[in-house]
Amino acid sequence: MRFLIRLVHYFGLVELFTITFVLINVATFLLYAIDKRRSINDNRRISEKTLLFFTVFLGGFGALFGMKLCRHKTQKLKFKIYVVVGVILALIPTFYVIRSVVHNN
């Protein structure tokens, strides 16, 4: 907990959220890209639970880009639904942070 407090104090809450948001979405995109590569090469795949967890845990945009750019999981209705939910869940704190920045200036 002290580590988190130090990070917030050092970076600021908005900056820390932005860094976390970007890293989670990059990681989610990479998971989709790696899983697509593994599916092409018939290698061991990344579990759907892992992909869906990252999709819902602020990684909706990374999942969306991973699905579109890599053409991966685009036929699965479950993934389409989770991506929409993931994007909405990612937008909620993003709008809150943007609103707090605008109102503080």
C-alpha atoms as a PDB file:
ATOM      1  CA  MET A   1       0.000   0.000   0.000  1.00  0.00           C
ATOM      2  CA  ARG A   2       2.853   2.384   0.784  1.00  0.00           C
ATOM      3  CA  PHE A   3       4.297   1.651  -2.629  1.00  0.00           C
ATOM      4  CA  LEU A   4       1.056   2.715  -4.303  1.00  0.00           C
ATOM      5  CA  ILE A   5       0.904   5.890  -2.213  1.00  0.00           C
ATOM      6  CA  ARG A   6       4.484   6.706  -3.202  1.00  0.00           C
ATOM      7  CA  LEU A   7       3.674   6.142  -6.870  1.00  0.00           C
ATOM      8  CA  VAL A   8       0.638   8.433  -6.694  1.00  0.00           C
ATOM      9  CA  HIS A   9       2.682  11.059  -4.872  1.00  0.00           C
ATOM     10  CA  TYR A  10       5.559  10.800  -7.370  1.00  0.00           C
ATOM     11  CA  PHE A  11       3.565  10.660 -10.615  1.00  0.00           C
ATOM     12  CA  GLY A  12       0.159  12.023  -9.694  1.00  0.00           C
ATOM     13  CA  LEU A  13      -3.103  10.148  -9.955  1.00  0.00           C
ATOM     14  CA  VAL A  14      -3.879  11.170 -13.540  1.00  0.00           C
ATOM     15  CA  GLU A  15      -0.433  10.248 -14.809  1.00  0.00           C
ATOM     16  CA  LEU A  16      -0.457   6.927 -12.953  1.00  0.00           C
ATOM     17  CA  PHE A  17      -3.875   6.070 -14.394  1.00  0.00           C
ATOM     18  CA  THR A  18      -2.705   6.987 -17.892  1.00  0.00           C
ATOM     19  CA  ILE A  19       0.427   4.850 -17.626  1.00  0.00           C
ATOM     20  CA  THR A  20      -1.577   1.908 -16.271  1.00  0.00           C
ATOM     21  CA  PHE A  21      -4.279   2.310 -18.915  1.00  0.00           C
ATOM     22  CA  VAL A  22      -1.781   2.374 -21.779  1.00  0.00           C
ATOM     23  CA  LEU A  23       0.220  -0.587 -20.450  1.00  0.00           C
ATOM     24  CA  ILE A  24      -2.882  -2.750 -19.949  1.00  0.00           C
ATOM     25  CA  ASN A  25      -4.136  -1.997 -23.450  1.00  0.00           C
ATOM     26  CA  VAL A  26      -0.740  -2.676 -25.036  1.00  0.00           C
ATOM     27  CA  ALA A  27      -0.515  -5.942 -23.086  1.00  0.00           C
ATOM     28  CA  THR A  28      -4.035  -6.918 -24.187  1.00  0.00           C
ATOM     29  CA  PHE A  29      -3.242  -6.166 -27.818  1.00  0.00           C
ATOM     30  CA  LEU A  30      -0.055  -8.213 -27.576  1.00  0.00           C
ATOM     31  CA  LEU A  31      -1.936 -11.138 -26.024  1.00  0.00           C
ATOM     32  CA  TYR A  32      -4.359 -11.173 -28.954  1.00  0.00           C
ATOM     33  CA  ALA A  33      -1.507 -10.886 -31.477  1.00  0.00           C
ATOM     34  CA  ILE A  34       0.505 -13.657 -29.789  1.00  0.00           C
ATOM     35  CA  ASP A  35      -2.544 -15.915 -29.606  1.00  0.00           C
ATOM     36  CA  LYS A  36      -3.249 -15.320 -33.298  1.00  0.00           C
ATOM     37  CA  ARG A  37       0.354 -16.201 -34.181  1.00  0.00           C
ATOM     38  CA  ARG A  38       0.152 -19.326 -32.045  1.00  0.00           C
ATOM     39  CA  SER A  39      -3.124 -20.358 -33.686  1.00  0.00           C
ATOM     40  CA  ILE A  40      -1.550 -20.060 -37.140  1.00  0.00           C
ATOM     41  CA  ASN A  41       1.471 -22.123 -36.081  1.00  0.00           C
ATOM     42  CA  ASP A  42      -0.571 -24.712 -34.108  1.00  0.00           C
ATOM     43  CA  ASN A  43       1.274 -23.883 -30.893  1.00  0.00           C
ATOM     44  CA  ARG A  44      -0.038 -23.763 -27.338  1.00  0.00           C
ATOM     45  CA  ARG A  45      -2.689 -21.034 -27.147  1.00  0.00           C
ATOM     46  CA  ILE A  46      -3.454 -18.336 -24.596  1.00  0.00           C
ATOM     47  CA  SER A  47      -6.592 -19.293 -22.697  1.00  0.00           C
ATOM     48  CA  GLU A  48      -9.857 -17.544 -23.471  1.00  0.00           C
ATOM     49  CA  LYS A  49     -10.190 -16.709 -19.765  1.00  0.00           C
ATOM     50  CA  THR A  50      -6.932 -14.762 -19.895  1.00  0.00           C
ATOM     51  CA  LEU A  51      -7.923 -12.895 -23.050  1.00  0.00           C
ATOM     52  CA  LEU A  52     -11.345 -12.050 -21.641  1.00  0.00           C
ATOM     53  CA  PHE A  53      -9.943 -10.986 -18.254  1.00  0.00           C
ATOM     54  CA  PHE A  54      -7.574  -8.491 -19.866  1.00  0.00           C
ATOM     55  CA  THR A  55     -10.362  -7.347 -22.191  1.00  0.00           C
ATOM     56  CA  VAL A  56     -12.664  -6.460 -19.286  1.00  0.00           C
ATOM     57  CA  PHE A  57      -9.920  -5.176 -16.964  1.00  0.00           C
ATOM     58  CA  LEU A  58      -9.400  -1.835 -18.783  1.00  0.00           C
ATOM     59  CA  GLY A  59      -8.059  -3.564 -21.911  1.00  0.00           C
ATOM     60  CA  GLY A  60     -11.083  -3.144 -24.135  1.00  0.00           C
ATOM     61  CA  PHE A  61      -9.330  -0.891 -26.620  1.00  0.00           C
ATOM     62  CA  GLY A  62      -6.327  -3.206 -26.889  1.00  0.00           C
ATOM     63  CA  ALA A  63      -8.686  -6.130 -27.457  1.00  0.00           C
ATOM     64  CA  LEU A  64     -10.625  -4.192 -30.089  1.00  0.00           C
ATOM     65  CA  PHE A  65      -7.458  -3.330 -32.001  1.00  0.00           C
ATOM     66  CA  GLY A  66      -6.165  -6.886 -31.554  1.00  0.00           C
ATOM     67  CA  MET A  67      -9.358  -8.301 -33.007  1.00  0.00           C
ATOM     68  CA  LYS A  68      -9.440  -5.865 -35.921  1.00  0.00           C
ATOM     69  CA  LEU A  69      -5.749  -5.672 -36.859  1.00  0.00           C
ATOM     70  CA  CYS A  70      -4.927  -9.344 -36.291  1.00  0.00           C
ATOM     71  CA  ARG A  71      -8.331 -10.598 -37.449  1.00  0.00           C
ATOM     72  CA  HIS A  72      -8.528 -12.733 -34.345  1.00  0.00           C
ATOM     73  CA  LYS A  73     -11.639 -13.953 -32.494  1.00  0.00           C
ATOM     74  CA  THR A  74     -13.826 -11.858 -34.774  1.00  0.00           C
ATOM     75  CA  GLN A  75     -16.343 -14.653 -35.382  1.00  0.00           C
ATOM     76  CA  LYS A  76     -16.947 -15.407 -31.700  1.00  0.00           C
ATOM     77  CA  LEU A  77     -20.008 -13.642 -30.308  1.00  0.00           C
ATOM     78  CA  LYS A  78     -18.695 -13.984 -26.743  1.00  0.00           C
ATOM     79  CA  PHE A  79     -15.586 -11.985 -27.627  1.00  0.00           C
ATOM     80  CA  LYS A  80     -17.591  -9.322 -29.451  1.00  0.00           C
ATOM     81  CA  ILE A  81     -19.758  -8.848 -26.366  1.00  0.00           C
ATOM     82  CA  TYR A  82     -16.794  -8.785 -24.000  1.00  0.00           C
ATOM     83  CA  VAL A  83     -14.983  -6.222 -26.158  1.00  0.00           C
ATOM     84  CA  VAL A  84     -17.992  -3.887 -26.080  1.00  0.00           C
ATOM     85  CA  VAL A  85     -18.227  -4.326 -22.299  1.00  0.00           C
ATOM     86  CA  GLY A  86     -14.455  -3.845 -21.989  1.00  0.00           C
ATOM     87  CA  VAL A  87     -14.515  -0.612 -23.965  1.00  0.00           C
ATOM     88  CA  ILE A  88     -17.403   0.720 -21.874  1.00  0.00           C
ATOM     89  CA  LEU A  89     -15.639  -0.256 -18.644  1.00  0.00           C
ATOM     90  CA  ALA A  90     -12.464   1.439 -19.885  1.00  0.00           C
ATOM     91  CA  LEU A  91     -14.336   4.616 -20.799  1.00  0.00           C
ATOM     92  CA  ILE A  92     -15.915   5.093 -17.373  1.00  0.00           C
ATOM     93  CA  PRO A  93     -12.701   5.847 -15.429  1.00  0.00           C
ATOM     94  CA  THR A  94     -11.236   7.613 -18.471  1.00  0.00           C
ATOM     95  CA  PHE A  95     -14.105  10.100 -18.581  1.00  0.00           C
ATOM     96  CA  TYR A  96     -13.859  10.548 -14.815  1.00  0.00           C
ATOM     97  CA  VAL A  97     -10.137  11.347 -15.042  1.00  0.00           C
ATOM     98  CA  ILE A  98     -10.656  13.714 -17.985  1.00  0.00           C
ATOM     99  CA  ARG A  99     -13.488  15.444 -16.145  1.00  0.00           C
ATOM    100  CA  SER A 100     -11.368  15.896 -13.029  1.00  0.00           C
ATOM    101  CA  VAL A 101      -8.503  17.339 -15.074  1.00  0.00           C
ATOM    102  CA  VAL A 102     -10.797  19.777 -16.899  1.00  0.00           C
ATOM    103  CA  HIS A 103     -12.483  20.930 -13.686  1.00  0.00           C
ATOM    104  CA  ASN A 104      -9.183  21.377 -11.840  1.00  0.00           C
ATOM    105  CA  ASN A 105      -7.757  23.711 -14.508  1.00  0.00           C
END
